[in-house]
Each structure stands twice: as C-alpha cells, then as structure tokens.
Protein backbone atom coordinates (compact mmCIF):
# COMPACT_ATOMS: atom_id res chain seq x y z
CA PRO A 1 -16.32 11.37 -18.12
CA ASP A 2 -16.14 12.92 -14.91
CA LEU A 3 -12.86 14.79 -15.53
CA CYS A 4 -10.24 16.15 -12.69
CA PRO A 5 -11.23 19.36 -11.44
CA ILE A 6 -7.79 20.84 -13.45
CA MET A 7 -8.79 19.71 -16.73
CA ASN A 8 -12.35 21.20 -16.19
CA ARG A 9 -10.36 24.75 -15.50
CA LEU A 10 -8.39 23.89 -18.09
CA CYS A 11 -10.93 23.76 -21.07
CA PRO A 12 -14.59 23.26 -19.49
CA GLU A 13 -15.97 23.59 -23.11
CA MET A 14 -14.20 20.15 -23.78
CA ALA A 15 -13.72 18.57 -20.84
CA PRO A 16 -16.77 16.17 -20.90
CA SER A 17 -15.79 14.72 -24.32
CA ILE A 18 -11.64 14.75 -23.58
CA ALA A 19 -11.57 11.21 -22.55
CA GLY A 20 -14.18 9.96 -25.24
CA GLU A 21 -12.34 11.66 -28.29
CA LEU A 22 -8.96 10.18 -27.53
CA ALA A 23 -10.54 6.75 -26.62
CA TYR A 24 -11.94 7.21 -30.19
CA ALA A 25 -8.71 8.81 -31.47
CA GLY A 26 -7.37 5.47 -30.26
CA MET A 27 -9.50 3.39 -32.65
CA ALA A 28 -9.09 5.38 -35.64
CA ILE A 29 -5.68 5.40 -35.84
CA ALA A 30 -5.52 1.96 -35.55
CA LEU A 31 -8.71 1.04 -38.63
CA ALA A 32 -6.63 4.14 -40.25
CA ALA A 33 -3.82 2.21 -40.18
CA ARG A 34 -5.82 -0.98 -41.69
CA CYS A 35 -4.61 -2.93 -38.21
CA TRP A 36 -7.78 -5.57 -38.65
CA SER A 37 -5.89 -8.45 -36.85
CA LEU A 38 -6.50 -9.47 -33.43
CA VAL A 39 -3.53 -7.49 -32.09
CA GLY A 40 -5.12 -4.22 -33.76
CA VAL A 41 -7.71 -4.79 -31.91
CA ILE A 42 -6.23 -5.34 -29.23
CA LEU A 43 -4.14 -2.29 -29.15
CA ALA A 44 -6.96 0.10 -29.87
CA SER A 45 -8.74 -1.09 -26.77
CA THR A 46 -5.27 -0.27 -24.78
CA LEU A 47 -5.19 2.60 -25.94
CA ALA A 48 -8.62 3.25 -25.06
CA ALA A 49 -8.65 2.17 -22.02
CA LEU A 50 -5.61 3.94 -21.29
CA ALA A 51 -7.22 7.53 -22.37
CA MET A 52 -10.08 6.81 -20.02
CA ARG A 53 -7.44 5.98 -17.35
CA LEU A 54 -5.70 8.89 -17.76
CA PHE A 55 -8.37 11.20 -18.24
CA SER A 56 -11.66 10.04 -16.18
CA GLY A 57 -13.05 10.82 -12.73
CA ARG A 58 -11.29 8.04 -10.84
CA ASN A 59 -8.69 10.64 -10.09
CA SER A 60 -10.93 13.43 -9.50
CA SER A 61 -11.72 12.62 -5.69
CA ALA A 62 -8.06 12.68 -5.09
CA VAL A 63 -7.54 15.52 -6.80
CA ARG A 64 -10.39 17.68 -5.53
CA THR A 65 -9.26 16.38 -1.67
CA GLU A 66 -5.93 17.98 -2.04
CA GLN A 67 -7.59 21.45 -3.47
CA CYS A 68 -9.82 21.11 -0.06
CA SER A 69 -6.38 20.39 2.03
CA ARG A 70 -5.13 23.14 0.26
CA ASP A 71 -7.90 25.81 1.15
CA LYS A 72 -8.19 24.56 4.59
CA SER A 73 -4.62 25.13 4.86
CA GLN A 74 -4.69 28.91 3.64
CA THR A 75 -7.82 29.35 5.76
CA ALA A 76 -10.02 29.71 2.86
CA PRO A 77 -13.65 28.81 4.20
CA TYR A 78 -15.05 25.42 2.36
CA GLU A 79 -17.79 26.41 0.10
CA ASN A 80 -20.06 23.44 -1.04
CA PRO A 81 -20.09 23.36 -5.08
CA MET A 82 -23.59 22.67 -5.22
CA ARG A 83 -25.93 25.75 -6.18
CA TRP A 84 -29.50 26.09 -6.78
CA SER A 85 -31.72 28.55 -7.52
CA LEU A 86 -35.84 29.50 -7.38
CA LYS A 87 -37.33 30.26 -10.82
CA PRO A 88 -38.02 33.53 -10.58
CA SER A 89 -35.00 33.57 -8.84
CA GLN A 90 -34.59 35.13 -5.20
CA GLY A 91 -30.85 34.35 -5.14
CA ILE A 92 -28.55 31.68 -5.62
CA TYR A 93 -28.20 29.53 -2.81
CA HIS A 94 -25.40 27.21 -1.73
CA GLY A 95 -25.54 23.25 -0.29
CA ASP A 96 -24.78 23.93 3.02
CA MET A 97 -27.29 26.61 3.56
CA VAL A 98 -28.37 27.73 7.12
CA GLN A 99 -31.41 29.97 6.34
CA PRO A 100 -34.40 28.96 5.11
CA VAL A 101 -35.47 30.31 1.14
CA SER A 102 -39.06 31.90 1.78
CA LEU A 103 -42.01 32.17 -1.17
CA GLU A 104 -45.38 32.93 -1.60
CA ASN A 105 -47.32 32.61 -4.60
CA ASP A 106 -50.98 32.36 -5.29
CA PHE A 107 -51.08 28.65 -4.74
CA MET A 108 -48.92 28.65 -1.12
CA LYS A 109 -46.47 29.81 1.32
CA ALA A 110 -43.52 27.63 1.80
CA LYS A 111 -39.98 27.47 2.90
CA LEU A 112 -37.47 25.26 1.60
CA VAL A 113 -33.97 24.20 2.94
CA PHE A 114 -31.54 22.33 0.57
CA ILE A 115 -28.88 20.85 2.27
CA HIS A 116 -26.07 18.62 0.50
CA ARG A 117 -23.13 16.75 1.65
CA PRO A 118 -19.49 17.74 0.93
CA THR A 119 -18.84 15.10 -1.58
CA ASP A 120 -16.38 16.39 -3.32
CA CYS A 121 -14.11 16.71 -0.32
CA PRO A 122 -14.24 12.94 0.94
CA THR A 123 -12.06 14.36 3.87
CA MET A 124 -14.55 16.90 5.13
CA MET A 125 -16.82 13.83 5.04
CA ALA A 126 -14.78 12.18 6.80
CA GLN A 127 -13.83 14.39 9.53
CA GLY A 128 -17.13 16.28 9.71
CA GLY A 129 -16.98 20.10 10.87
CA TYR A 130 -19.10 21.70 7.95
CA PRO A 131 -22.28 22.35 8.11
CA TRP A 132 -25.15 20.19 8.59
CA SER A 133 -22.32 17.18 9.52
CA GLU A 134 -23.72 15.95 12.76
CA HIS A 135 -27.43 15.82 10.77
CA PHE A 136 -25.58 13.59 7.54
CA GLN A 137 -23.41 11.22 10.36
CA GLY A 138 -24.50 7.65 9.59
CA ARG A 139 -26.61 8.27 6.84
CA LYS A 140 -26.49 7.45 2.87
CA ARG A 141 -28.01 10.40 1.95
CA PHE A 142 -26.21 12.84 -0.68
CA TRP A 143 -28.76 15.99 0.24
CA GLU A 144 -32.08 16.38 1.71
CA LEU A 145 -34.39 18.71 0.70
CA ARG A 146 -37.16 20.56 3.75
CA VAL A 147 -40.34 21.83 2.39
CA GLN A 148 -42.34 23.56 4.39
CA ILE A 149 -46.26 24.51 3.67
CA GLN A 150 -49.23 26.30 4.14
CA TYR A 151 -51.69 26.20 1.25
CA LYS A 152 -53.44 29.53 0.03
CA ARG A 153 -55.69 27.45 -2.32
CA LEU A 154 -56.15 23.43 -2.37
CA PRO A 155 -54.96 21.20 -4.66
CA THR A 156 -58.21 19.62 -6.73
CA ALA A 157 -55.91 16.14 -6.56
CA PRO A 158 -53.95 16.24 -3.43
CA GLN A 159 -52.77 12.65 -4.30
CA SER A 160 -50.92 13.54 -7.19
CA GLN A 161 -48.85 16.47 -5.70
CA TYR A 162 -44.98 15.30 -7.11
CA PHE A 163 -41.42 16.47 -6.38
CA ALA A 164 -39.31 16.08 -9.26
CA LEU A 165 -35.90 16.11 -11.26
CA GLU A 166 -37.13 17.24 -14.47
CA LEU A 167 -34.61 16.89 -17.28
CA SER A 168 -34.50 17.54 -21.24
CA ARG A 169 -36.64 16.75 -24.07
CA PRO A 170 -34.25 13.70 -25.84
CA THR A 171 -34.35 14.49 -29.66
CA THR A 172 -33.35 11.43 -31.44
CA ALA A 173 -33.35 7.86 -30.06
CA PRO A 174 -30.58 6.12 -28.04
CA SER A 175 -27.99 4.52 -28.69
CA ALA A 176 -27.74 0.38 -27.50
CA THR A 177 -25.23 1.80 -24.74
CA LYS A 178 -27.17 4.86 -23.59
CA SER A 179 -30.67 2.38 -23.34
CA ALA A 180 -28.71 -0.08 -21.54
CA MET A 181 -27.16 2.98 -19.42
CA ARG A 182 -30.80 4.07 -18.64
CA SER A 183 -32.05 0.28 -17.88
CA ALA A 184 -29.51 0.14 -15.33
CA ILE A 185 -29.94 3.61 -13.54
CA LEU A 186 -33.66 2.76 -13.17
CA GLY A 187 -33.31 -0.58 -11.92
CA MET A 188 -30.37 0.81 -9.08
CA LEU A 189 -33.59 3.70 -8.43
CA ARG A 190 -35.94 0.89 -7.97
CA ARG A 191 -33.76 -1.67 -5.68
CA GLY A 192 -33.03 1.54 -3.52
CA CYS A 193 -36.77 3.29 -3.82
CA GLY A 194 -39.19 0.32 -4.51
CA ASP A 195 -41.54 1.46 -6.84
CA ILE A 196 -42.70 4.19 -5.03
CA PHE A 197 -41.84 6.97 -7.87
CA TYR A 198 -41.96 7.93 -11.49
CA ALA A 199 -39.57 7.82 -14.04
CA SER A 200 -39.15 8.50 -17.81
CA PHE A 201 -36.06 9.10 -20.03
CA GLY A 202 -38.97 11.10 -22.42
CA ASP A 203 -40.23 11.08 -25.72
CA ILE A 204 -38.03 11.39 -28.85
CA LEU A 205 -38.97 14.72 -30.79
CA ASP A 206 -38.47 12.87 -34.03
CA GLY A 207 -41.69 11.84 -35.61
CA ILE A 208 -43.47 12.03 -32.52
CA VAL A 209 -47.17 13.26 -32.97
CA GLY A 210 -48.62 15.65 -30.29
CA GLU A 211 -46.79 16.79 -27.17
CA ALA A 212 -43.97 15.38 -26.04
CA GLU A 213 -42.76 14.20 -22.36
CA GLN A 214 -39.05 15.65 -20.64
CA SER A 215 -37.14 13.68 -18.72
CA THR A 216 -38.84 13.11 -15.49
CA VAL A 217 -38.01 11.31 -11.93
CA ALA A 218 -40.95 12.63 -9.71
CA VAL A 219 -41.71 11.44 -6.58
CA PRO A 220 -45.49 11.58 -5.21
CA ILE A 221 -45.92 13.66 -1.86
CA ALA A 222 -47.55 10.15 -0.06
CA ALA A 223 -43.95 8.70 -0.51
CA SER A 224 -42.17 11.38 0.98
CA ASP A 225 -40.06 10.20 3.78
CA GLN A 226 -40.89 12.44 6.53
CA PHE A 227 -44.24 14.73 7.11
CA HIS A 228 -45.19 16.49 10.06
CA VAL A 229 -48.65 18.46 10.23
CA SER A 230 -48.79 21.76 12.87
CA PRO A 231 -52.17 22.58 13.54
CA LYS A 232 -53.46 26.44 13.34
CA GLY A 233 -51.63 28.31 16.48
CA ASP A 234 -48.69 25.59 16.59
CA LEU A 235 -45.12 27.09 15.71
CA PRO A 236 -44.14 24.61 12.91
CA PRO A 237 -40.36 23.10 13.19
CA ASP A 238 -37.51 25.27 12.43
CA ILE A 239 -36.36 23.30 8.81
CA ALA A 240 -33.26 24.91 8.88
CA GLU A 241 -32.04 23.45 12.31
CA PRO A 242 -30.07 20.38 11.64
CA LEU A 243 -32.09 18.59 14.38
CA GLY A 244 -35.48 20.71 13.54
CA LEU A 245 -36.90 17.76 12.11
CA ALA A 246 -36.10 15.04 14.80
CA GLY A 247 -38.52 13.19 16.14
CA LYS A 248 -41.20 15.32 14.74
CA GLY A 249 -44.12 13.61 12.94
CA MET A 250 -43.72 10.52 11.04
CA LEU A 251 -40.74 8.70 9.43
CA ARG A 252 -41.58 6.49 6.07
CA ALA A 253 -38.85 3.89 7.31
CA ASN A 254 -40.19 3.11 10.29
CA ASP A 255 -43.13 1.94 9.04
CA ARG A 256 -44.24 2.47 4.99
CA ALA A 257 -47.38 0.79 5.27
CA ALA A 258 -48.60 2.96 8.15
CA TYR A 259 -46.83 5.65 6.66
CA LYS A 260 -48.91 5.72 3.64
CA LYS A 261 -51.98 4.93 4.92
CA THR A 262 -51.73 8.15 7.47
CA LEU A 263 -50.48 10.70 4.98
CA THR A 264 -52.64 9.58 2.09
CA ALA A 265 -55.79 10.30 5.07
CA GLN A 266 -54.01 13.39 5.91
CA LEU A 267 -53.94 14.70 2.30
CA GLU A 268 -57.35 13.99 1.83
CA GLN A 269 -58.26 16.22 4.48
CA LEU A 270 -55.75 19.81 3.39
CA SER A 271 -56.62 22.56 5.54
CA CYS A 272 -55.41 26.09 5.10
CA ASP A 273 -55.33 26.89 8.58
CA GLU A 274 -52.39 23.74 9.31
CA VAL A 275 -48.78 23.85 8.08
CA TYR A 276 -47.50 20.77 6.25
CA THR A 277 -43.93 19.87 6.30
CA PHE A 278 -41.61 17.28 4.10
CA GLY A 279 -38.76 15.71 4.36
CA ILE A 280 -37.33 14.16 0.74
CA TRP A 281 -34.19 11.96 0.75
CA SER A 282 -35.28 8.54 -0.77
CA ILE A 283 -33.48 8.81 -4.39
CA ALA A 284 -30.53 10.94 -2.51
CA GLN A 285 -28.22 8.42 -2.04
CA PHE A 286 -28.59 7.96 -5.96
CA VAL A 287 -28.42 11.39 -7.05
CA ASP A 288 -24.62 13.35 -6.32
CA VAL A 289 -25.61 17.08 -7.46
CA ALA A 290 -22.33 18.48 -6.24
CA ARG A 291 -20.58 16.22 -8.54
CA TRP A 292 -23.03 15.75 -11.17
CA GLU A 293 -23.39 12.07 -11.15
CA MET A 294 -25.48 9.36 -10.48
CA ARG A 295 -24.00 6.64 -8.25
CA GLY A 296 -24.39 3.43 -7.16
CA ALA A 297 -23.56 0.07 -7.16
CA GLY A 298 -19.60 0.85 -7.09
CA SER A 299 -20.32 2.96 -10.51
CA SER A 300 -20.91 6.37 -11.29
CA VAL A 301 -22.95 8.22 -14.64
CA ASP A 302 -22.11 11.70 -15.53
CA ILE A 303 -25.61 13.32 -15.80
CA ARG A 304 -24.27 15.41 -18.89
CA SER A 305 -24.52 12.06 -20.49
CA ILE A 306 -27.87 11.82 -19.22
CA LEU A 307 -29.08 15.11 -20.64
CA GLY A 308 -27.59 14.54 -23.85
CA GLY A 309 -24.23 15.98 -23.36
CA ARG A 310 -25.92 19.42 -22.91
CA ARG A 311 -24.30 22.05 -20.15
CA ILE A 312 -27.50 22.71 -18.21
CA PRO A 313 -29.17 22.74 -14.62
CA VAL A 314 -31.81 19.99 -14.16
CA ASN A 315 -34.98 21.57 -13.00
CA GLY A 316 -36.60 20.71 -9.70
CA ALA A 317 -40.23 21.13 -9.14
CA PHE A 318 -43.35 20.34 -7.00
CA TYR A 319 -45.97 20.30 -9.23
CA GLU A 320 -49.73 19.04 -9.08
CA LEU A 321 -50.39 16.34 -11.49
CA LEU A 322 -53.99 17.02 -13.58
CA PRO A 323 -55.75 14.34 -15.29
CA GLY A 324 -55.19 14.14 -18.97
CA GLN A 325 -57.37 14.32 -22.27
CA LYS A 326 -57.04 10.66 -22.34
CA PRO A 327 -58.21 8.64 -19.98
CA GLU A 328 -54.99 6.18 -20.46
CA GLU A 329 -52.73 8.92 -20.22
CA THR A 330 -49.80 8.10 -17.62
CA ARG A 331 -47.45 10.39 -19.21
CA HIS A 332 -46.34 13.84 -16.90
CA LEU A 333 -47.01 16.33 -19.92
CA ASP A 334 -46.48 20.32 -19.54
CA SER A 335 -49.63 20.24 -19.65
CA ARG A 336 -51.00 18.05 -17.05
CA LYS A 337 -48.90 20.40 -14.22
CA ASN A 338 -50.11 22.74 -12.41
CA TYR A 339 -46.64 23.93 -10.95
CA TRP A 340 -46.60 25.50 -7.54
CA PHE A 341 -42.42 26.40 -7.79
CA GLN A 342 -39.65 25.21 -9.75
CA GLY A 343 -35.80 25.90 -9.32
CA ALA A 344 -32.87 25.31 -10.42
CA LEU A 345 -29.59 22.64 -9.53
CA TRP A 346 -26.32 22.50 -10.96
CA THR A 347 -22.45 22.45 -9.77
CA VAL A 348 -19.71 24.62 -10.23
CA LEU A 349 -17.59 21.33 -10.93
CA ARG A 350 -19.78 20.81 -13.76
CA PRO A 351 -21.07 24.32 -14.48
CA PRO A 352 -23.46 24.84 -17.70
CA THR A 353 -23.50 27.57 -19.66
CA ALA A 354 -23.75 31.19 -18.20
CA ASP A 355 -26.76 31.96 -20.80
CA SER A 356 -28.68 29.18 -19.14
CA LEU A 357 -28.24 29.80 -15.22
CA PRO A 358 -30.71 31.91 -13.94
CA VAL A 359 -30.65 35.40 -13.49
CA VAL A 360 -31.28 37.26 -10.24
CA PRO A 361 -33.06 40.37 -10.43
CA GLY A 362 -32.45 43.66 -9.49
CA ALA A 363 -28.10 42.04 -8.71
CA THR A 364 -25.76 45.13 -11.41
CA CYS A 365 -24.17 41.16 -11.85
CA ASN A 366 -24.90 37.80 -11.43
CA PRO A 367 -21.68 36.26 -10.53
CA GLU A 368 -22.18 32.76 -11.06
CA ARG A 369 -22.62 34.07 -14.88
CA GLU A 370 -19.86 36.47 -14.54
CA GLU A 371 -17.76 33.85 -13.58
CA ARG A 372 -18.53 31.58 -16.34
CA LEU A 373 -18.54 34.68 -19.14
CA GLN A 374 -15.13 34.74 -18.34
CA LEU A 375 -13.69 31.35 -17.89
CA ILE A 376 -15.10 30.73 -21.73
CA SER A 377 -13.33 33.81 -22.87
CA SER A 378 -10.25 32.61 -21.52
CA PRO A 379 -7.00 32.48 -24.10
CA GLN A 380 -6.31 29.13 -22.16
CA LEU A 381 -9.90 27.49 -22.82
CA TRP A 382 -9.71 28.49 -26.44
CA ASP A 383 -6.16 27.48 -27.01
CA ALA A 384 -7.12 23.81 -25.66
CA LYS A 385 -10.23 23.72 -28.02
CA ALA A 386 -8.26 25.14 -30.73
CA PHE A 387 -5.49 22.03 -30.03
CA PHE A 388 -8.17 19.36 -29.30
CA ALA A 389 -10.38 20.53 -32.59
CA LYS A 390 -6.45 20.26 -34.66
CA MET A 391 -6.09 16.78 -33.38
CA THR A 392 -9.65 15.27 -34.21
CA LEU A 393 -9.23 16.71 -37.29
CA SER A 394 -6.22 15.11 -38.13
CA VAL A 395 -7.13 12.01 -37.12
CA SER A 396 -10.48 12.41 -38.98
CA LYS A 397 -8.28 12.64 -42.29
CA LEU A 398 -6.52 10.00 -41.55
CA SER A 399 -9.04 7.88 -41.34
CA GLY A 400 -11.18 9.09 -44.51
CA GLY A 401 -13.12 11.17 -42.31
CA CYS A 402 -17.25 10.02 -42.48
CA CYS A 403 -18.37 8.33 -39.63
CA TRP A 404 -14.55 8.47 -37.87
CA GLU A 405 -15.08 12.01 -37.66
CA ARG A 406 -15.63 12.04 -34.18
C-alpha cells in the first residue's frame, strides 16, 4: 500500500505493511471467533476493505498537495522528492536538476540529465512554474533521461546496448497474487511500449543451478525515443536546457520504422569523434519514481512490493550485453553485461534503508543517510513499532499462531 506521508513520517519502518497487517488482522479476528458463516466472511472482508481505505494511498495525493501548499505559503522552495546518484557516487541529485552531471571512464565521456515531474504535488503539476514545466506541458511521461555520449572505446556489440532498470533477485516463488500482478504490469508496459523492451522478473534463487538473473526492465538503444549525432567539430545540444533537444535529430514517435532503420545503420558506424545524444522516456508514463509506483490503467503498484518488500534503491544502468556461453541464452545475466555506467534511484517519500544509500566520497556526512539514521532512531518510530508488534502478537495468540502470525 502507498501510505500517506503522515504515516510514513510516523513509522517508515512499518508503513509499507500497516494497511496489510490491519487487513489480515480483520480476517484473523473473524476466523479466531469461529465466524465461518457467510456473515463472518462479509464482516472480515469489510474490516479489511475499511483498513485499506483508511490507510491506503488514496489520500496520499491530497495530503501531499496540502503539504505542498503549506510549504509555498511559508515561502519554502519546493524540492522534488526523486533522488539519484551515480555509482560510484559523485553526489546526490534531485529530479528538477538544471545542470548536467558529467562522468568519464575507460569507455566513454558522458553527460546525464534525469528530470522528473512533481507527481507528489498535483497542484504544482497543474499550475506549472516548476523547473522543466514548459517541457513537460502536454506530455504523459513522468520523467525523462537525457544522455550525451562520446565513446573512447567502441562497443563490440553496438546493437546490444541497453538502458535498464535493475531491481533485485527473487528468493522464493511468487504467490498467485504476485504472479497476477506481474502479468498485469507486463501487459501494461506492452500496451504502452509494444515489444521494444526486455522484461524479466528474475530467477528464483531457491533451487537454481548456475547464475541467477536479477529482475530487469531494459530498453535497447535502438528503441530510444530520440537521438541526435553531432559530427566532429560541431557543438552538441545543451541537454540541460528544456528546449535544448527541440527539433534535434529524430523522434521515434514520428516514424518508428524509419527511426529504427536510421539508428540501426548509425550504430553500425559508430565513431569516437562524434557525440551521440539520446532521450529515453518510453516507459516513463508507467514508472513514477517520485511516488515509487508502477502506474497505469487507473491503478498503481508500490515498487516495494515488486522488490519483495525490501526498502532499497533501484539500480539504473547503461550496459552492453555480450553473447552468452550458450547460443540459446537470452537472459540478461550479470556475467554478460559490460557496464558503461550505473546509478541508483530512490525517493525521499519512500526512503530506503540508510545503509543502502550511496555514500558520497569526500563528504564529511551524507545528508540522506544522516536523515534516515536520525529518523529510524526516533522514539516515535520505536513506540509505533512496539504498538504494532504487540497488536500483531495479540491477534496471533487469539488465532493460535501458526500461519495467522502475519
């Protein structure tokens, strides 16, 4: 469940499961009282539904909007909750960045801009006035990634370069509910993006022989949404300027067949003297990083449920996929990936654990880590955890423990 920010601030450790625990508690109490009649089932279902309505994210937008308005009235500047950082980290950046991030390694020199709508503040989205509002006006995407590359070493498989979101490796087989949720997510992505992307929910660690694949959603470079080539001597476009890519290069949306044909031919003749600029947003209308949700068809799924409940950042990566040891191998295994660069994505509205956040080298402290460490050590949090632990224990004793301990 997507809990409102008030509950998140009160007890972020317990927030993802409060609504679920109350729903299970309603069912457990009814069963413990031996209410096996139809009336008992209806009562238990009503309690579960009431708990979900009281604590679910249906109120989160309103609460967050009220918070945004209050901040504006106090002249405090709005700060986009989306955060990202390179690996290894050069710093922590927000979703409303106005300067590109530069990196250089053995493979390339690159500049990156990752921007995000203020989806946590619908009023601001409607009124505009935030950084990049002119660019996002009239577009469905929640975010956009702009990457500018000058290769220092050409890839061995130019067509097998991918921009990807890497999640985590599953440890156990998914339940029927999670399997249905996964099928719905894949269907939602295919309806919006077609079959241009690679998606896998990973290999289950229990019982697997050999290397396991982690959960991955990857878009091949030939299926990027915009590309532009700057010949040697030409000044590349300014990717930190909202209209810097307007009218530049080709857009996939204008003619998908021509776009793929042109870009495929361009990839076969890559040069270390030219600068390549890409725009990626094909899955951006379904992944809301700021609110930590997969969204589509009028519904949303908390990304933490896809991560197995773990509060960790999502890994963003650009890699070259090398041939597998077996010709029939199609999985995106780590051993096949030649990483050009990696990064971490998270949101302060659904903060990951402090020890999973990137550490900025050379900094005396990491503000994001310090904030989380202070938050998880607050008395209010531990009081809340003790209360809910006691409530859950009471319910489990009533129902005889065992499978009702949840």
